[in-house]
PDB file of N, CA and C in Angstrom:
ATOM      1  N   MET A   1       0.852  -1.178   0.000  1.00  0.00           N
ATOM      2  CA  MET A   1       0.000   0.000   0.000  1.00  0.00           C
ATOM      3  C   MET A   1       0.894   1.237   0.000  1.00  0.00           C
ATOM      4  N   THR A   2       0.517   2.208  -0.795  1.00  0.00           N
ATOM      5  CA  THR A   2       1.257   3.462  -0.841  1.00  0.00           C
ATOM      6  C   THR A   2       0.564   4.493   0.053  1.00  0.00           C
ATOM      7  N   ILE A   3       1.243   5.623   0.280  1.00  0.00           N
ATOM      8  CA  ILE A   3       0.644   6.718   1.045  1.00  0.00           C
ATOM      9  C   ILE A   3      -0.630   7.202   0.344  1.00  0.00           C
ATOM     10  N   ASP A   4      -0.592   7.330  -0.986  1.00  0.00           N
ATOM     11  CA  ASP A   4      -1.770   7.780  -1.720  1.00  0.00           C
ATOM     12  C   ASP A   4      -2.932   6.795  -1.559  1.00  0.00           C
ATOM     13  N   GLU A   5      -2.642   5.497  -1.595  1.00  0.00           N
ATOM     14  CA  GLU A   5      -3.689   4.490  -1.401  1.00  0.00           C
ATOM     15  C   GLU A   5      -4.261   4.567   0.021  1.00  0.00           C
ATOM     16  N   LEU A   6      -3.400   4.784   0.992  1.00  0.00           N
ATOM     17  CA  LEU A   6      -3.851   4.942   2.376  1.00  0.00           C
ATOM     18  C   LEU A   6      -4.793   6.131   2.495  1.00  0.00           C
ATOM     19  N   MET A   7      -4.401   7.252   1.902  1.00  0.00           N
ATOM     20  CA  MET A   7      -5.221   8.455   1.966  1.00  0.00           C
ATOM     21  C   MET A   7      -6.569   8.227   1.285  1.00  0.00           C
ATOM     22  N   ARG A   8      -6.572   7.562   0.128  1.00  0.00           N
ATOM     23  CA  ARG A   8      -7.837   7.297  -0.571  1.00  0.00           C
ATOM     24  C   ARG A   8      -8.741   6.382   0.252  1.00  0.00           C
ATOM     25  N   ARG A   9      -8.146   5.377   0.857  1.00  0.00           N
ATOM     26  CA  ARG A   9      -8.940   4.408   1.627  1.00  0.00           C
ATOM     27  C   ARG A   9      -9.577   5.032   2.858  1.00  0.00           C
ATOM     28  N   TRP A  10      -8.832   5.905   3.556  1.00  0.00           N
ATOM     29  CA  TRP A  10      -9.296   6.387   4.855  1.00  0.00           C
ATOM     30  C   TRP A  10      -9.838   7.810   4.856  1.00  0.00           C
ATOM     31  N   THR A  11      -9.587   8.602   3.823  1.00  0.00           N
ATOM     32  CA  THR A  11     -10.111   9.965   3.780  1.00  0.00           C
ATOM     33  C   THR A  11     -11.607   9.929   3.500  1.00  0.00           C
ATOM     34  N   GLY A  12     -12.350  10.750   4.239  1.00  0.00           N
ATOM     35  CA  GLY A  12     -13.777  10.866   4.010  1.00  0.00           C
ATOM     36  C   GLY A  12     -14.608   9.810   4.708  1.00  0.00           C
ATOM     37  N   GLN A  13     -13.985   8.957   5.502  1.00  0.00           N
ATOM     38  CA  GLN A  13     -14.749   7.961   6.251  1.00  0.00           C
ATOM     39  C   GLN A  13     -15.548   8.658   7.339  1.00  0.00           C
ATOM     40  N   GLU A  14     -16.773   8.257   7.488  1.00  0.00           N
ATOM     41  CA  GLU A  14     -17.620   8.854   8.508  1.00  0.00           C
ATOM     42  C   GLU A  14     -18.333   7.731   9.244  1.00  0.00           C
ATOM     43  N   GLY A  15     -18.479   7.900  10.538  1.00  0.00           N
ATOM     44  CA  GLY A  15     -19.150   6.881  11.331  1.00  0.00           C
ATOM     45  C   GLY A  15     -18.174   5.798  11.733  1.00  0.00           C
ATOM     46  N   GLY A  16     -18.675   4.629  11.974  1.00  0.00           N
ATOM     47  CA  GLY A  16     -17.823   3.551  12.449  1.00  0.00           C
ATOM     48  C   GLY A  16     -17.451   3.812  13.891  1.00  0.00           C
ATOM     49  N   ALA A  17     -16.534   3.051  14.384  1.00  0.00           N
ATOM     50  CA  ALA A  17     -16.111   3.198  15.768  1.00  0.00           C
ATOM     51  C   ALA A  17     -14.600   3.094  15.833  1.00  0.00           C
ATOM     52  N   GLU A  18     -14.024   3.889  16.718  1.00  0.00           N
ATOM     53  CA  GLU A  18     -12.567   3.876  16.881  1.00  0.00           C
ATOM     54  C   GLU A  18     -12.052   2.464  17.111  1.00  0.00           C
ATOM     55  N   ARG A  19     -12.655   1.749  18.036  1.00  0.00           N
ATOM     56  CA  ARG A  19     -12.181   0.391  18.349  1.00  0.00           C
ATOM     57  C   ARG A  19     -12.308  -0.558  17.174  1.00  0.00           C
ATOM     58  N   ALA A  20     -13.289  -0.332  16.329  1.00  0.00           N
ATOM     59  CA  ALA A  20     -13.483  -1.210  15.176  1.00  0.00           C
ATOM     60  C   ALA A  20     -12.484  -0.934  14.064  1.00  0.00           C
ATOM     61  N   ASN A  21     -11.929   0.279  14.015  1.00  0.00           N
ATOM     62  CA  ASN A  21     -11.117   0.678  12.869  1.00  0.00           C
ATOM     63  C   ASN A  21      -9.641   0.932  13.148  1.00  0.00           C
ATOM     64  N   TYR A  22      -9.272   1.254  14.373  1.00  0.00           N
ATOM     65  CA  TYR A  22      -7.910   1.750  14.569  1.00  0.00           C
ATOM     66  C   TYR A  22      -6.839   0.706  14.276  1.00  0.00           C
ATOM     67  N   ALA A  23      -7.039  -0.556  14.627  1.00  0.00           N
ATOM     68  CA  ALA A  23      -6.010  -1.567  14.374  1.00  0.00           C
ATOM     69  C   ALA A  23      -5.812  -1.770  12.876  1.00  0.00           C
ATOM     70  N   LEU A  24      -6.908  -1.787  12.120  1.00  0.00           N
ATOM     71  CA  LEU A  24      -6.803  -1.926  10.672  1.00  0.00           C
ATOM     72  C   LEU A  24      -6.112  -0.711  10.065  1.00  0.00           C
ATOM     73  N   PHE A  25      -6.492   0.489  10.532  1.00  0.00           N
ATOM     74  CA  PHE A  25      -5.831   1.696  10.031  1.00  0.00           C
ATOM     75  C   PHE A  25      -4.331   1.653  10.322  1.00  0.00           C
ATOM     76  N   LEU A  26      -3.943   1.278  11.546  1.00  0.00           N
ATOM     77  CA  LEU A  26      -2.524   1.260  11.900  1.00  0.00           C
ATOM     78  C   LEU A  26      -1.755   0.219  11.095  1.00  0.00           C
ATOM     79  N   ALA A  27      -2.376  -0.920  10.792  1.00  0.00           N
ATOM     80  CA  ALA A  27      -1.724  -1.912   9.922  1.00  0.00           C
ATOM     81  C   ALA A  27      -1.510  -1.325   8.528  1.00  0.00           C
ATOM     82  N   ASP A  28      -2.540  -0.659   7.995  1.00  0.00           N
ATOM     83  CA  ASP A  28      -2.398   0.004   6.690  1.00  0.00           C
ATOM     84  C   ASP A  28      -1.334   1.099   6.739  1.00  0.00           C
ATOM     85  N   PHE A  29      -1.316   1.853   7.819  1.00  0.00           N
ATOM     86  CA  PHE A  29      -0.341   2.939   8.005  1.00  0.00           C
ATOM     87  C   PHE A  29       1.087   2.390   7.971  1.00  0.00           C
ATOM     88  N   CYS A  30       1.334   1.302   8.704  1.00  0.00           N
ATOM     89  CA  CYS A  30       2.667   0.683   8.696  1.00  0.00           C
ATOM     90  C   CYS A  30       3.029   0.201   7.298  1.00  0.00           C
ATOM     91  N   ASP A  31       2.088  -0.428   6.617  1.00  0.00           N
ATOM     92  CA  ASP A  31       2.338  -0.905   5.248  1.00  0.00           C
ATOM     93  C   ASP A  31       2.707   0.255   4.332  1.00  0.00           C
ATOM     94  N   ALA A  32       1.963   1.364   4.431  1.00  0.00           N
ATOM     95  CA  ALA A  32       2.208   2.518   3.569  1.00  0.00           C
ATOM     96  C   ALA A  32       3.571   3.140   3.828  1.00  0.00           C
ATOM     97  N   LEU A  33       4.043   3.061   5.067  1.00  0.00           N
ATOM     98  CA  LEU A  33       5.361   3.608   5.407  1.00  0.00           C
ATOM     99  C   LEU A  33       6.488   2.610   5.154  1.00  0.00           C
ATOM    100  N   GLY A  34       6.141   1.394   4.747  1.00  0.00           N
ATOM    101  CA  GLY A  34       7.154   0.366   4.500  1.00  0.00           C
ATOM    102  C   GLY A  34       7.752  -0.171   5.782  1.00  0.00           C
ATOM    103  N   LEU A  35       6.983  -0.128   6.871  1.00  0.00           N
ATOM    104  CA  LEU A  35       7.453  -0.594   8.175  1.00  0.00           C
ATOM    105  C   LEU A  35       6.814  -1.941   8.506  1.00  0.00           C
ATOM    106  N   PRO A  36       7.467  -2.738   9.336  1.00  0.00           N
ATOM    107  CA  PRO A  36       6.821  -3.983   9.754  1.00  0.00           C
ATOM    108  C   PRO A  36       5.589  -3.681  10.593  1.00  0.00           C
ATOM    109  N   ARG A  37       4.627  -4.566  10.526  1.00  0.00           N
ATOM    110  CA  ARG A  37       3.449  -4.436  11.387  1.00  0.00           C
ATOM    111  C   ARG A  37       3.837  -4.796  12.818  1.00  0.00           C
ATOM    112  N   PRO A  38       3.068  -4.320  13.798  1.00  0.00           N
ATOM    113  CA  PRO A  38       3.380  -4.655  15.189  1.00  0.00           C
ATOM    114  C   PRO A  38       3.366  -6.163  15.430  1.00  0.00           C
ATOM    115  N   ASP A  39       4.079  -6.571  16.460  1.00  0.00           N
ATOM    116  CA  ASP A  39       4.157  -7.977  16.845  1.00  0.00           C
ATOM    117  C   ASP A  39       2.922  -8.380  17.645  1.00  0.00           C
ATOM    118  N   PRO A  40       2.614  -9.674  17.691  1.00  0.00           N
ATOM    119  CA  PRO A  40       1.558 -10.124  18.601  1.00  0.00           C
ATOM    120  C   PRO A  40       1.995  -9.849  20.044  1.00  0.00           C
ATOM    121  N   ALA A  41       1.066  -9.413  20.865  1.00  0.00           N
ATOM    122  CA  ALA A  41       1.376  -9.137  22.271  1.00  0.00           C
ATOM    123  C   ALA A  41       1.464 -10.446  23.047  1.00  0.00           C
ATOM    124  N   GLY A  42       2.378 -10.470  24.004  1.00  0.00           N
ATOM    125  CA  GLY A  42       2.533 -11.637  24.864  1.00  0.00           C
ATOM    126  C   GLY A  42       2.072 -11.334  26.282  1.00  0.00           C
ATOM    127  N   ALA A  43       2.084 -12.348  27.110  1.00  0.00           N
ATOM    128  CA  ALA A  43       1.620 -12.213  28.492  1.00  0.00           C
ATOM    129  C   ALA A  43       2.575 -11.387  29.348  1.00  0.00           C
ATOM    130  N   THR A  44       3.856 -11.339  28.984  1.00  0.00           N
ATOM    131  CA  THR A  44       4.845 -10.597  29.758  1.00  0.00           C
ATOM    132  C   THR A  44       4.981  -9.199  29.175  1.00  0.00           C
ATOM    133  N   THR A  45       4.400  -8.217  29.847  1.00  0.00           N
ATOM    134  CA  THR A  45       4.360  -6.845  29.346  1.00  0.00           C
ATOM    135  C   THR A  45       5.744  -6.320  28.994  1.00  0.00           C
ATOM    136  N   GLU A  46       6.727  -6.610  29.811  1.00  0.00           N
ATOM    137  CA  GLU A  46       8.075  -6.082  29.596  1.00  0.00           C
ATOM    138  C   GLU A  46       8.684  -6.543  28.273  1.00  0.00           C
ATOM    139  N   HIS A  47       8.148  -7.609  27.676  1.00  0.00           N
ATOM    140  CA  HIS A  47       8.669  -8.125  26.401  1.00  0.00           C
ATOM    141  C   HIS A  47       7.896  -7.585  25.207  1.00  0.00           C
ATOM    142  N   ASN A  48       6.836  -6.839  25.449  1.00  0.00           N
ATOM    143  CA  ASN A  48       6.013  -6.301  24.371  1.00  0.00           C
ATOM    144  C   ASN A  48       6.620  -4.997  23.864  1.00  0.00           C
ATOM    145  N   ASP A  49       7.621  -5.138  23.000  1.00  0.00           N
ATOM    146  CA  ASP A  49       8.387  -3.984  22.531  1.00  0.00           C
ATOM    147  C   ASP A  49       7.729  -3.216  21.395  1.00  0.00           C
ATOM    148  N   TYR A  50       6.890  -3.870  20.585  1.00  0.00           N
ATOM    149  CA  TYR A  50       6.246  -3.220  19.439  1.00  0.00           C
ATOM    150  C   TYR A  50       4.892  -3.885  19.245  1.00  0.00           C
ATOM    151  N   VAL A  51       3.874  -3.355  19.911  1.00  0.00           N
ATOM    152  CA  VAL A  51       2.573  -4.007  19.929  1.00  0.00           C
ATOM    153  C   VAL A  51       1.422  -3.002  19.933  1.00  0.00           C
ATOM    154  N   LEU A  52       0.256  -3.505  19.580  1.00  0.00           N
ATOM    155  CA  LEU A  52      -0.986  -2.777  19.774  1.00  0.00           C
ATOM    156  C   LEU A  52      -1.477  -3.053  21.194  1.00  0.00           C
ATOM    157  N   GLU A  53      -2.181  -2.095  21.776  1.00  0.00           N
ATOM    158  CA  GLU A  53      -2.815  -2.272  23.084  1.00  0.00           C
ATOM    159  C   GLU A  53      -1.838  -2.695  24.182  1.00  0.00           C
ATOM    160  N   ARG A  54      -0.739  -1.976  24.310  1.00  0.00           N
ATOM    161  CA  ARG A  54       0.255  -2.309  25.333  1.00  0.00           C
ATOM    162  C   ARG A  54      -0.210  -1.827  26.696  1.00  0.00           C
ATOM    163  N   PHE A  55      -0.147  -2.701  27.668  1.00  0.00           N
ATOM    164  CA  PHE A  55      -0.530  -2.381  29.038  1.00  0.00           C
ATOM    165  C   PHE A  55       0.469  -1.411  29.660  1.00  0.00           C
ATOM    166  N   VAL A  56      -0.042  -0.442  30.409  1.00  0.00           N
ATOM    167  CA  VAL A  56       0.787   0.465  31.213  1.00  0.00           C
ATOM    168  C   VAL A  56       0.074   0.713  32.539  1.00  0.00           C
ATOM    169  N   ARG A  57       0.850   0.969  33.552  1.00  0.00           N
ATOM    170  CA  ARG A  57       0.296   1.407  34.828  1.00  0.00           C
ATOM    171  C   ARG A  57       0.499   2.910  34.897  1.00  0.00           C
ATOM    172  N   ARG A  58      -0.590   3.637  35.063  1.00  0.00           N
ATOM    173  CA  ARG A  58      -0.531   5.093  35.124  1.00  0.00           C
ATOM    174  C   ARG A  58       0.064   5.534  36.457  1.00  0.00           C
ATOM    175  N   PRO A  59       0.582   6.761  36.505  1.00  0.00           N
ATOM    176  CA  PRO A  59       1.168   7.265  37.755  1.00  0.00           C
ATOM    177  C   PRO A  59       0.200   7.218  38.942  1.00  0.00           C
ATOM    178  N   ASP A  60      -1.112   7.307  38.671  1.00  0.00           N
ATOM    179  CA  ASP A  60      -2.084   7.246  39.774  1.00  0.00           C
ATOM    180  C   ASP A  60      -2.387   5.817  40.209  1.00  0.00           C
ATOM    181  N   GLY A  61      -1.732   4.823  39.577  1.00  0.00           N
ATOM    182  CA  GLY A  61      -1.915   3.421  39.936  1.00  0.00           C
ATOM    183  C   GLY A  61      -2.966   2.693  39.123  1.00  0.00           C
ATOM    184  N   SER A  62      -3.748   3.411  38.325  1.00  0.00           N
ATOM    185  CA  SER A  62      -4.763   2.755  37.495  1.00  0.00           C
ATOM    186  C   SER A  62      -4.109   2.122  36.266  1.00  0.00           C
ATOM    187  N   ASN A  63      -4.828   1.217  35.651  1.00  0.00           N
ATOM    188  CA  ASN A  63      -4.332   0.524  34.461  1.00  0.00           C
ATOM    189  C   ASN A  63      -4.761   1.263  33.208  1.00  0.00           C
ATOM    190  N   GLY A  64      -3.927   1.188  32.182  1.00  0.00           N
ATOM    191  CA  GLY A  64      -4.247   1.789  30.905  1.00  0.00           C
ATOM    192  C   GLY A  64      -3.663   0.979  29.772  1.00  0.00           C
ATOM    193  N   ARG A  65      -3.939   1.395  28.575  1.00  0.00           N
ATOM    194  CA  ARG A  65      -3.405   0.753  27.376  1.00  0.00           C
ATOM    195  C   ARG A  65      -2.993   1.828  26.390  1.00  0.00           C
ATOM    196  N   ILE A  66      -1.922   1.562  25.662  1.00  0.00           N
ATOM    197  CA  ILE A  66      -1.442   2.436  24.596  1.00  0.00           C
ATOM    198  C   ILE A  66      -1.820   1.761  23.283  1.00  0.00           C
ATOM    199  N   ASP A  67      -2.472   2.498  22.388  1.00  0.00           N
ATOM    200  CA  ASP A  67      -2.965   1.899  21.141  1.00  0.00           C
ATOM    201  C   ASP A  67      -1.839   1.275  20.314  1.00  0.00           C
ATOM    202  N   LEU A  68      -0.744   1.982  20.134  1.00  0.00           N
ATOM    203  CA  LEU A  68       0.417   1.429  19.420  1.00  0.00           C
ATOM    204  C   LEU A  68       1.665   1.894  20.142  1.00  0.00           C
ATOM    205  N   TYR A  69       2.503   0.956  20.523  1.00  0.00           N
ATOM    206  CA  TYR A  69       3.695   1.236  21.334  1.00  0.00           C
ATOM    207  C   TYR A  69       4.908   0.613  20.671  1.00  0.00           C
ATOM    208  N   LYS A  70       5.977   1.385  20.563  1.00  0.00           N
ATOM    209  CA  LYS A  70       7.266   0.844  20.132  1.00  0.00           C
ATOM    210  C   LYS A  70       8.315   1.378  21.100  1.00  0.00           C
ATOM    211  N   ARG A  71       8.915   0.459  21.842  1.00  0.00           N
ATOM    212  CA  ARG A  71       9.870   0.822  22.883  1.00  0.00           C
ATOM    213  C   ARG A  71      10.965   1.742  22.338  1.00  0.00           C
ATOM    214  N   ASP A  72      11.240   2.792  23.080  1.00  0.00           N
ATOM    215  CA  ASP A  72      12.289   3.768  22.777  1.00  0.00           C
ATOM    216  C   ASP A  72      12.063   4.540  21.469  1.00  0.00           C
ATOM    217  N   CYS A  73      10.859   4.441  20.899  1.00  0.00           N
ATOM    218  CA  CYS A  73      10.572   5.165  19.658  1.00  0.00           C
ATOM    219  C   CYS A  73       9.361   6.080  19.785  1.00  0.00           C
ATOM    220  N   PHE A  74       8.191   5.503  20.083  1.00  0.00           N
ATOM    221  CA  PHE A  74       6.972   6.316  20.095  1.00  0.00           C
ATOM    222  C   PHE A  74       5.836   5.590  20.795  1.00  0.00           C
ATOM    223  N   VAL A  75       4.815   6.364  21.119  1.00  0.00           N
ATOM    224  CA  VAL A  75       3.504   5.843  21.481  1.00  0.00           C
ATOM    225  C   VAL A  75       2.505   6.564  20.579  1.00  0.00           C
ATOM    226  N   LEU A  76       1.443   5.868  20.214  1.00  0.00           N
ATOM    227  CA  LEU A  76       0.438   6.454  19.341  1.00  0.00           C
ATOM    228  C   LEU A  76      -0.927   6.137  19.930  1.00  0.00           C
ATOM    229  N   GLU A  77      -1.744   7.145  20.087  1.00  0.00           N
ATOM    230  CA  GLU A  77      -3.121   6.996  20.551  1.00  0.00           C
ATOM    231  C   GLU A  77      -4.048   7.379  19.413  1.00  0.00           C
ATOM    232  N   ALA A  78      -4.914   6.474  19.019  1.00  0.00           N
ATOM    233  CA  ALA A  78      -5.883   6.735  17.956  1.00  0.00           C
ATOM    234  C   ALA A  78      -7.113   7.407  18.554  1.00  0.00           C
ATOM    235  N   LYS A  79      -7.673   8.343  17.822  1.00  0.00           N
ATOM    236  CA  LYS A  79      -8.896   9.028  18.252  1.00  0.00           C
ATOM    237  C   LYS A  79      -9.857   9.118  17.078  1.00  0.00           C
ATOM    238  N   GLN A  80     -11.112   8.805  17.335  1.00  0.00           N
ATOM    239  CA  GLN A  80     -12.160   8.899  16.320  1.00  0.00           C
ATOM    240  C   GLN A  80     -12.628  10.339  16.234  1.00  0.00           C
ATOM    241  N   SER A  81     -12.620  10.889  15.045  1.00  0.00           N
ATOM    242  CA  SER A  81     -13.100  12.256  14.853  1.00  0.00           C
ATOM    243  C   SER A  81     -14.619  12.288  14.925  1.00  0.00           C
ATOM    244  N   ARG A  82     -15.154  13.345  15.488  1.00  0.00           N
ATOM    245  CA  ARG A  82     -16.608  13.535  15.525  1.00  0.00           C
ATOM    246  C   ARG A  82     -17.059  14.513  14.443  1.00  0.00           C
ATOM    247  N   GLN A  83     -16.104  15.005  13.653  1.00  0.00           N
ATOM    248  CA  GLN A  83     -16.459  15.926  12.576  1.00  0.00           C
ATOM    249  C   GLN A  83     -17.079  15.162  11.418  1.00  0.00           C
ATOM    250  N   LYS A  84     -17.945  15.822  10.682  1.00  0.00           N
ATOM    251  CA  LYS A  84     -18.521  15.228   9.482  1.00  0.00           C
ATOM    252  C   LYS A  84     -17.411  15.026   8.465  1.00  0.00           C
ATOM    253  N   ALA A  85     -17.587  14.084   7.559  1.00  0.00           N
ATOM    254  CA  ALA A  85     -16.538  13.703   6.610  1.00  0.00           C
ATOM    255  C   ALA A  85     -15.953  14.890   5.865  1.00  0.00           C
ATOM    256  N   GLY A  86     -16.769  15.796   5.368  1.00  0.00           N
ATOM    257  CA  GLY A  86     -16.268  16.933   4.604  1.00  0.00           C
ATOM    258  C   GLY A  86     -15.445  17.897   5.435  1.00  0.00           C
ATOM    259  N   ASP A  87     -15.671  17.928   6.749  1.00  0.00           N
ATOM    260  CA  ASP A  87     -14.953  18.849   7.630  1.00  0.00           C
ATOM    261  C   ASP A  87     -13.627  18.289   8.127  1.00  0.00           C
ATOM    262  N   LYS A  88     -13.334  17.011   7.843  1.00  0.00           N
ATOM    263  CA  LYS A  88     -12.149  16.362   8.379  1.00  0.00           C
ATOM    264  C   LYS A  88     -10.886  16.648   7.576  1.00  0.00           C
ATOM    265  N   TYR A  89     -11.033  17.085   6.352  1.00  0.00           N
ATOM    266  CA  TYR A  89      -9.874  17.242   5.483  1.00  0.00           C
ATOM    267  C   TYR A  89      -8.903  18.265   6.047  1.00  0.00           C
ATOM    268  N   ILE A  90      -7.661  17.854   6.141  1.00  0.00           N
ATOM    269  CA  ILE A  90      -6.580  18.738   6.570  1.00  0.00           C
ATOM    270  C   ILE A  90      -5.495  18.635   5.507  1.00  0.00           C
ATOM    271  N   ASP A  91      -5.028  19.750   5.015  1.00  0.00           N
ATOM    272  CA  ASP A  91      -3.960  19.743   4.026  1.00  0.00           C
ATOM    273  C   ASP A  91      -2.651  19.452   4.750  1.00  0.00           C
ATOM    274  N   ALA A  92      -2.132  18.252   4.562  1.00  0.00           N
ATOM    275  CA  ALA A  92      -0.912  17.839   5.240  1.00  0.00           C
ATOM    276  C   ALA A  92       0.316  18.540   4.675  1.00  0.00           C
ATOM    277  N   GLY A  93       0.200  19.063   3.468  1.00  0.00           N
ATOM    278  CA  GLY A  93       1.272  19.843   2.860  1.00  0.00           C
ATOM    279  C   GLY A  93       2.639  19.199   2.964  1.00  0.00           C
ATOM    280  N   PRO A  94       3.630  19.945   3.488  1.00  0.00           N
ATOM    281  CA  PRO A  94       5.003  19.456   3.531  1.00  0.00           C
ATOM    282  C   PRO A  94       5.181  18.214   4.396  1.00  0.00           C
ATOM    283  N   GLN A  95       4.320  18.001   5.380  1.00  0.00           N
ATOM    284  CA  GLN A  95       4.468  16.814   6.221  1.00  0.00           C
ATOM    285  C   GLN A  95       4.240  15.548   5.415  1.00  0.00           C
ATOM    286  N   LEU A  96       3.227  15.558   4.546  1.00  0.00           N
ATOM    287  CA  LEU A  96       2.961  14.409   3.700  1.00  0.00           C
ATOM    288  C   LEU A  96       4.113  14.181   2.727  1.00  0.00           C
ATOM    289  N   ASP A  97       4.709  15.257   2.243  1.00  0.00           N
ATOM    290  CA  ASP A  97       5.856  15.128   1.346  1.00  0.00           C
ATOM    291  C   ASP A  97       7.010  14.395   2.020  1.00  0.00           C
ATOM    292  N   LEU A  98       7.202  14.590   3.324  1.00  0.00           N
ATOM    293  CA  LEU A  98       8.252  13.873   4.048  1.00  0.00           C
ATOM    294  C   LEU A  98       8.030  12.371   3.981  1.00  0.00           C
ATOM    295  N   LEU A  99       6.783  11.932   4.096  1.00  0.00           N
ATOM    296  CA  LEU A  99       6.480  10.508   4.027  1.00  0.00           C
ATOM    297  C   LEU A  99       6.752   9.954   2.635  1.00  0.00           C
ATOM    298  N   LYS A 100       6.407  10.713   1.612  1.00  0.00           N
ATOM    299  CA  LYS A 100       6.564  10.240   0.240  1.00  0.00           C
ATOM    300  C   LYS A 100       8.024  10.172  -0.192  1.00  0.00           C
ATOM    301  N   THR A 101       8.867  11.066   0.312  1.00  0.00           N
ATOM    302  CA  THR A 101      10.261  11.086  -0.119  1.00  0.00           C
ATOM    303  C   THR A 101      11.150  10.179   0.720  1.00  0.00           C
ATOM    304  N   GLY A 102      10.646   9.734   1.877  1.00  0.00           N
ATOM    305  CA  GLY A 102      11.463   8.918   2.763  1.00  0.00           C
ATOM    306  C   GLY A 102      12.477   9.736   3.534  1.00  0.00           C
ATOM    307  N   HIS A 103      12.370  11.064   3.484  1.00  0.00           N
ATOM    308  CA  HIS A 103      13.296  11.936   4.204  1.00  0.00           C
ATOM    309  C   HIS A 103      13.166  11.710   5.699  1.00  0.00           C
ATOM    310  N   GLU A 104      14.264  11.524   6.363  1.00  0.00           N
ATOM    311  CA  GLU A 104      14.259  11.344   7.811  1.00  0.00           C
ATOM    312  C   GLU A 104      14.381  12.698   8.488  1.00  0.00           C
ATOM    313  N   PRO A 105      13.404  13.080   9.314  1.00  0.00           N
ATOM    314  CA  PRO A 105      13.531  14.350  10.026  1.00  0.00           C
ATOM    315  C   PRO A 105      14.685  14.305  11.020  1.00  0.00           C
ATOM    316  N   GLU A 106      15.206  15.466  11.313  1.00  0.00           N
ATOM    317  CA  GLU A 106      16.300  15.588  12.264  1.00  0.00           C
ATOM    318  C   GLU A 106      15.842  15.113  13.639  1.00  0.00           C
ATOM    319  N   LYS A 107      16.681  14.322  14.311  1.00  0.00           N
ATOM    320  CA  LYS A 107      16.340  13.844  15.651  1.00  0.00           C
ATOM    321  C   LYS A 107      16.397  15.026  16.612  1.00  0.00           C
ATOM    322  N   LEU A 108      15.342  15.178  17.372  1.00  0.00           N
ATOM    323  CA  LEU A 108      15.239  16.310  18.287  1.00  0.00           C
ATOM    324  C   LEU A 108      15.294  15.825  19.728  1.00  0.00           C
ATOM    325  N   GLY A 109      16.452  15.732  20.284  1.00  0.00           N
ATOM    326  CA  GLY A 109      16.590  15.388  21.696  1.00  0.00           C
ATOM    327  C   GLY A 109      16.422  13.910  21.970  1.00  0.00           C
ATOM    328  N   ARG A 110      16.392  13.592  23.242  1.00  0.00           N
ATOM    329  CA  ARG A 110      16.273  12.211  23.690  1.00  0.00           C
ATOM    330  C   ARG A 110      14.819  11.869  23.955  1.00  0.00           C
ATOM    331  N   PRO A 111      14.454  10.587  23.800  1.00  0.00           N
ATOM    332  CA  PRO A 111      13.092  10.197  24.161  1.00  0.00           C
ATOM    333  C   PRO A 111      12.909  10.310  25.669  1.00  0.00           C
ATOM    334  N   PRO A 112      11.669  10.461  26.134  1.00  0.00           N
ATOM    335  CA  PRO A 112      11.453  10.555  27.569  1.00  0.00           C
ATOM    336  C   PRO A 112      11.875   9.277  28.279  1.00  0.00           C
ATOM    337  N   SER A 113      12.236   9.408  29.520  1.00  0.00           N
ATOM    338  CA  SER A 113      12.662   8.267  30.306  1.00  0.00           C
ATOM    339  C   SER A 113      11.525   7.284  30.492  1.00  0.00           C
ATOM    340  N   ARG A 114      11.851   6.004  30.431  1.00  0.00           N
ATOM    341  CA  ARG A 114      10.836   4.979  30.659  1.00  0.00           C
ATOM    342  C   ARG A 114      10.424   4.928  32.122  1.00  0.00           C
ATOM    343  N   ARG A 115      11.145   5.610  32.991  1.00  0.00           N
ATOM    344  CA  ARG A 115      10.766   5.626  34.401  1.00  0.00           C
ATOM    345  C   ARG A 115       9.390   6.248  34.590  1.00  0.00           C
ATOM    346  N   ASN A 116       8.921   7.023  33.607  1.00  0.00           N
ATOM    347  CA  ASN A 116       7.599   7.640  33.708  1.00  0.00           C
ATOM    348  C   ASN A 116       6.481   6.612  33.584  1.00  0.00           C
ATOM    349  N   PHE A 117       6.766   5.451  33.025  1.00  0.00           N
ATOM    350  CA  PHE A 117       5.776   4.406  32.855  1.00  0.00           C
ATOM    351  C   PHE A 117       6.235   3.162  33.605  1.00  0.00           C
ATOM    352  N   ARG A 118       5.386   2.640  34.432  1.00  0.00           N
ATOM    353  CA  ARG A 118       5.748   1.442  35.192  1.00  0.00           C
ATOM    354  C   ARG A 118       5.577   0.174  34.379  1.00  0.00           C
ATOM    355  N   GLY A 119       5.013   0.275  33.181  1.00  0.00           N
ATOM    356  CA  GLY A 119       4.756  -0.909  32.358  1.00  0.00           C
ATOM    357  C   GLY A 119       6.013  -1.472  31.719  1.00  0.00           C
ATOM    358  N   GLY A 120       7.154  -0.823  31.842  1.00  0.00           N
ATOM    359  CA  GLY A 120       8.375  -1.361  31.272  1.00  0.00           C
ATOM    360  C   GLY A 120       8.983  -0.422  30.399  1.00  0.00           C
TER     361      GLY A 120
END
């Protein structure tokens, strides 16, 4: 899947549910970027280095989940838009061009310490 195919598939979608769509969207997103899809999650949280729905313990002691987690790289939280399909369009402009050219943005500082999350 290319970036253009991803945009055609997902632009203008209205309705549905975040939980029903986010995993499929993220799989398509990884494919469009030429990245491997996340790994299956295992029972040992500390070994879940690149997974969907990664368990974390919040600072207040409650449990949470991260929609897409890659250790030492990023966390991604999916959100369902409540805007009507025609109102959702955002001109990605130069940001989309970065994806198409494969240009790597300059690294900006260090990632946050994992000590902030008790999940590993």
